[in-house]
Amino acid sequence: MTRFLLLYSTTDGHTRHIAEFMAKHWQAAEHDVSVQDVSLPSKRYQIYF
């Protein structure tokens, strides 16, 4: 099994649909897929300015 991290950024949501479509197909092929919208703040990381 291969692990994928699929990062995307979207304004209207079209790219999110493409990322979710790709993730479903990779998951159907028994791959481990994480999908993350990088345009949204992450709860895992703190950004300091």
PDB file of N, CA and C in Angstrom:
ATOM      1  N   MET A   1       0.847  -1.173   0.000  1.00  0.00           N
ATOM      2  CA  MET A   1       0.000   0.000   0.000  1.00  0.00           C
ATOM      3  C   MET A   1       0.897   1.242   0.000  1.00  0.00           C
ATOM      4  N   THR A   2       0.555   2.185  -0.848  1.00  0.00           N
ATOM      5  CA  THR A   2       1.273   3.449  -0.932  1.00  0.00           C
ATOM      6  C   THR A   2       0.494   4.522  -0.184  1.00  0.00           C
ATOM      7  N   ARG A   3       1.229   5.416   0.475  1.00  0.00           N
ATOM      8  CA  ARG A   3       0.587   6.516   1.199  1.00  0.00           C
ATOM      9  C   ARG A   3       0.702   7.780   0.361  1.00  0.00           C
ATOM     10  N   PHE A   4      -0.419   8.509   0.226  1.00  0.00           N
ATOM     11  CA  PHE A   4      -0.462   9.750  -0.527  1.00  0.00           C
ATOM     12  C   PHE A   4      -0.932  10.878   0.371  1.00  0.00           C
ATOM     13  N   LEU A   5      -0.317  12.021   0.214  1.00  0.00           N
ATOM     14  CA  LEU A   5      -0.795  13.252   0.823  1.00  0.00           C
ATOM     15  C   LEU A   5      -1.186  14.153  -0.329  1.00  0.00           C
ATOM     16  N   LEU A   6      -2.467  14.415  -0.466  1.00  0.00           N
ATOM     17  CA  LEU A   6      -2.998  15.208  -1.566  1.00  0.00           C
ATOM     18  C   LEU A   6      -3.352  16.589  -1.033  1.00  0.00           C
ATOM     19  N   LEU A   7      -2.550  17.577  -1.410  1.00  0.00           N
ATOM     20  CA  LEU A   7      -2.763  18.953  -0.980  1.00  0.00           C
ATOM     21  C   LEU A   7      -3.417  19.733  -2.109  1.00  0.00           C
ATOM     22  N   TYR A   8      -4.356  20.592  -1.752  1.00  0.00           N
ATOM     23  CA  TYR A   8      -5.012  21.406  -2.770  1.00  0.00           C
ATOM     24  C   TYR A   8      -5.421  22.730  -2.151  1.00  0.00           C
ATOM     25  N   SER A   9      -5.709  23.683  -3.015  1.00  0.00           N
ATOM     26  CA  SER A   9      -6.235  24.974  -2.601  1.00  0.00           C
ATOM     27  C   SER A   9      -7.332  25.336  -3.592  1.00  0.00           C
ATOM     28  N   THR A  10      -8.411  25.907  -3.088  1.00  0.00           N
ATOM     29  CA  THR A  10      -9.541  26.197  -3.959  1.00  0.00           C
ATOM     30  C   THR A  10     -10.239  27.477  -3.519  1.00  0.00           C
ATOM     31  N   THR A  11     -10.873  28.142  -4.455  1.00  0.00           N
ATOM     32  CA  THR A  11     -11.679  29.321  -4.118  1.00  0.00           C
ATOM     33  C   THR A  11     -13.155  29.050  -4.366  1.00  0.00           C
ATOM     34  N   ASP A  12     -13.453  28.306  -5.429  1.00  0.00           N
ATOM     35  CA  ASP A  12     -14.850  28.022  -5.771  1.00  0.00           C
ATOM     36  C   ASP A  12     -15.281  26.599  -5.470  1.00  0.00           C
ATOM     37  N   GLY A  13     -14.324  25.739  -5.094  1.00  0.00           N
ATOM     38  CA  GLY A  13     -14.662  24.366  -4.735  1.00  0.00           C
ATOM     39  C   GLY A  13     -14.413  23.339  -5.825  1.00  0.00           C
ATOM     40  N   HIS A  14     -14.071  23.774  -7.024  1.00  0.00           N
ATOM     41  CA  HIS A  14     -13.865  22.825  -8.124  1.00  0.00           C
ATOM     42  C   HIS A  14     -12.652  21.934  -7.878  1.00  0.00           C
ATOM     43  N   THR A  15     -11.573  22.526  -7.398  1.00  0.00           N
ATOM     44  CA  THR A  15     -10.360  21.755  -7.142  1.00  0.00           C
ATOM     45  C   THR A  15     -10.589  20.737  -6.036  1.00  0.00           C
ATOM     46  N   ARG A  16     -11.409  21.090  -5.050  1.00  0.00           N
ATOM     47  CA  ARG A  16     -11.738  20.143  -3.972  1.00  0.00           C
ATOM     48  C   ARG A  16     -12.441  18.920  -4.542  1.00  0.00           C
ATOM     49  N   HIS A  17     -13.371  19.111  -5.478  1.00  0.00           N
ATOM     50  CA  HIS A  17     -14.075  17.981  -6.091  1.00  0.00           C
ATOM     51  C   HIS A  17     -13.102  17.077  -6.852  1.00  0.00           C
ATOM     52  N   ILE A  18     -12.153  17.680  -7.538  1.00  0.00           N
ATOM     53  CA  ILE A  18     -11.155  16.892  -8.258  1.00  0.00           C
ATOM     54  C   ILE A  18     -10.288  16.112  -7.272  1.00  0.00           C
ATOM     55  N   ALA A  19      -9.855  16.765  -6.189  1.00  0.00           N
ATOM     56  CA  ALA A  19      -9.032  16.095  -5.179  1.00  0.00           C
ATOM     57  C   ALA A  19      -9.793  14.942  -4.534  1.00  0.00           C
ATOM     58  N   GLU A  20     -11.061  15.141  -4.215  1.00  0.00           N
ATOM     59  CA  GLU A  20     -11.867  14.074  -3.621  1.00  0.00           C
ATOM     60  C   GLU A  20     -12.072  12.921  -4.599  1.00  0.00           C
ATOM     61  N   PHE A  21     -12.255  13.239  -5.866  1.00  0.00           N
ATOM     62  CA  PHE A  21     -12.397  12.215  -6.903  1.00  0.00           C
ATOM     63  C   PHE A  21     -11.129  11.369  -6.986  1.00  0.00           C
ATOM     64  N   MET A  22      -9.968  12.047  -7.019  1.00  0.00           N
ATOM     65  CA  MET A  22      -8.696  11.329  -7.080  1.00  0.00           C
ATOM     66  C   MET A  22      -8.506  10.460  -5.836  1.00  0.00           C
ATOM     67  N   ALA A  23      -8.823  10.998  -4.666  1.00  0.00           N
ATOM     68  CA  ALA A  23      -8.662  10.250  -3.422  1.00  0.00           C
ATOM     69  C   ALA A  23      -9.527   8.996  -3.406  1.00  0.00           C
ATOM     70  N   LYS A  24     -10.766   9.103  -3.873  1.00  0.00           N
ATOM     71  CA  LYS A  24     -11.658   7.927  -3.908  1.00  0.00           C
ATOM     72  C   LYS A  24     -11.078   6.818  -4.779  1.00  0.00           C
ATOM     73  N   HIS A  25     -10.510   7.196  -5.922  1.00  0.00           N
ATOM     74  CA  HIS A  25      -9.952   6.184  -6.817  1.00  0.00           C
ATOM     75  C   HIS A  25      -8.693   5.557  -6.234  1.00  0.00           C
ATOM     76  N   TRP A  26      -7.854   6.346  -5.593  1.00  0.00           N
ATOM     77  CA  TRP A  26      -6.661   5.792  -4.966  1.00  0.00           C
ATOM     78  C   TRP A  26      -7.040   4.903  -3.786  1.00  0.00           C
ATOM     79  N   GLN A  27      -8.069   5.307  -3.019  1.00  0.00           N
ATOM     80  CA  GLN A  27      -8.520   4.480  -1.902  1.00  0.00           C
ATOM     81  C   GLN A  27      -9.126   3.175  -2.402  1.00  0.00           C
ATOM     82  N   ALA A  28      -9.822   3.221  -3.526  1.00  0.00           N
ATOM     83  CA  ALA A  28     -10.390   2.001  -4.110  1.00  0.00           C
ATOM     84  C   ALA A  28      -9.289   1.037  -4.538  1.00  0.00           C
ATOM     85  N   ALA A  29      -8.124   1.586  -4.860  1.00  0.00           N
ATOM     86  CA  ALA A  29      -6.968   0.763  -5.221  1.00  0.00           C
ATOM     87  C   ALA A  29      -6.150   0.389  -3.984  1.00  0.00           C
ATOM     88  N   GLU A  30      -6.757   0.589  -2.797  1.00  0.00           N
ATOM     89  CA  GLU A  30      -6.186   0.201  -1.508  1.00  0.00           C
ATOM     90  C   GLU A  30      -4.948   1.003  -1.123  1.00  0.00           C
ATOM     91  N   HIS A  31      -4.937   2.280  -1.484  1.00  0.00           N
ATOM     92  CA  HIS A  31      -3.876   3.184  -1.053  1.00  0.00           C
ATOM     93  C   HIS A  31      -4.390   4.020   0.114  1.00  0.00           C
ATOM     94  N   ASP A  32      -3.468   4.453   0.953  1.00  0.00           N
ATOM     95  CA  ASP A  32      -3.795   5.310   2.091  1.00  0.00           C
ATOM     96  C   ASP A  32      -3.673   6.764   1.621  1.00  0.00           C
ATOM     97  N   VAL A  33      -4.792   7.508   1.631  1.00  0.00           N
ATOM     98  CA  VAL A  33      -4.813   8.861   1.084  1.00  0.00           C
ATOM     99  C   VAL A  33      -5.288   9.846   2.147  1.00  0.00           C
ATOM    100  N   SER A  34      -4.505  10.912   2.326  1.00  0.00           N
ATOM    101  CA  SER A  34      -4.912  12.034   3.169  1.00  0.00           C
ATOM    102  C   SER A  34      -5.099  13.236   2.264  1.00  0.00           C
ATOM    103  N   VAL A  35      -6.240  13.913   2.411  1.00  0.00           N
ATOM    104  CA  VAL A  35      -6.553  15.078   1.589  1.00  0.00           C
ATOM    105  C   VAL A  35      -6.629  16.291   2.503  1.00  0.00           C
ATOM    106  N   GLN A  36      -5.926  17.367   2.118  1.00  0.00           N
ATOM    107  CA  GLN A  36      -5.888  18.567   2.954  1.00  0.00           C
ATOM    108  C   GLN A  36      -5.997  19.815   2.093  1.00  0.00           C
ATOM    109  N   ASP A  37      -6.932  20.680   2.456  1.00  0.00           N
ATOM    110  CA  ASP A  37      -7.059  21.990   1.823  1.00  0.00           C
ATOM    111  C   ASP A  37      -6.060  22.927   2.480  1.00  0.00           C
ATOM    112  N   VAL A  38      -5.029  23.333   1.749  1.00  0.00           N
ATOM    113  CA  VAL A  38      -3.981  24.172   2.331  1.00  0.00           C
ATOM    114  C   VAL A  38      -4.389  25.640   2.421  1.00  0.00           C
ATOM    115  N   SER A  39      -5.535  25.989   1.862  1.00  0.00           N
ATOM    116  CA  SER A  39      -5.999  27.372   1.971  1.00  0.00           C
ATOM    117  C   SER A  39      -6.700  27.626   3.300  1.00  0.00           C
ATOM    118  N   LEU A  40      -7.002  26.557   4.030  1.00  0.00           N
ATOM    119  CA  LEU A  40      -7.644  26.684   5.341  1.00  0.00           C
ATOM    120  C   LEU A  40      -6.586  26.565   6.429  1.00  0.00           C
ATOM    121  N   PRO A  41      -6.730  27.294   7.523  1.00  0.00           N
ATOM    122  CA  PRO A  41      -5.776  27.145   8.630  1.00  0.00           C
ATOM    123  C   PRO A  41      -5.847  25.731   9.207  1.00  0.00           C
ATOM    124  N   SER A  42      -4.709  25.190   9.519  1.00  0.00           N
ATOM    125  CA  SER A  42      -4.645  23.846  10.075  1.00  0.00           C
ATOM    126  C   SER A  42      -4.650  23.914  11.592  1.00  0.00           C
ATOM    127  N   LYS A  43      -5.310  22.972  12.209  1.00  0.00           N
ATOM    128  CA  LYS A  43      -5.313  22.884  13.665  1.00  0.00           C
ATOM    129  C   LYS A  43      -4.016  22.261  14.172  1.00  0.00           C
ATOM    130  N   ARG A  44      -3.261  21.598  13.275  1.00  0.00           N
ATOM    131  CA  ARG A  44      -2.037  20.923  13.682  1.00  0.00           C
ATOM    132  C   ARG A  44      -0.868  21.878  13.825  1.00  0.00           C
ATOM    133  N   TYR A  45      -0.880  22.953  13.081  1.00  0.00           N
ATOM    134  CA  TYR A  45       0.284  23.829  13.029  1.00  0.00           C
ATOM    135  C   TYR A  45      -0.100  25.237  13.445  1.00  0.00           C
ATOM    136  N   GLN A  46       0.801  25.878  14.110  1.00  0.00           N
ATOM    137  CA  GLN A  46       0.622  27.280  14.463  1.00  0.00           C
ATOM    138  C   GLN A  46       1.581  28.103  13.619  1.00  0.00           C
ATOM    139  N   ILE A  47       1.078  29.165  13.061  1.00  0.00           N
ATOM    140  CA  ILE A  47       1.910  30.035  12.232  1.00  0.00           C
ATOM    141  C   ILE A  47       2.134  31.330  12.989  1.00  0.00           C
ATOM    142  N   TYR A  48       3.384  31.715  13.110  1.00  0.00           N
ATOM    143  CA  TYR A  48       3.750  32.933  13.818  1.00  0.00           C
ATOM    144  C   TYR A  48       4.265  33.960  12.822  1.00  0.00           C
ATOM    145  N   PHE A  49       3.773  35.181  12.947  1.00  0.00           N
ATOM    146  CA  PHE A  49       4.232  36.268  12.073  1.00  0.00           C
ATOM    147  C   PHE A  49       5.011  37.272  12.882  1.00  0.00           C
TER     148      PHE A  49
END
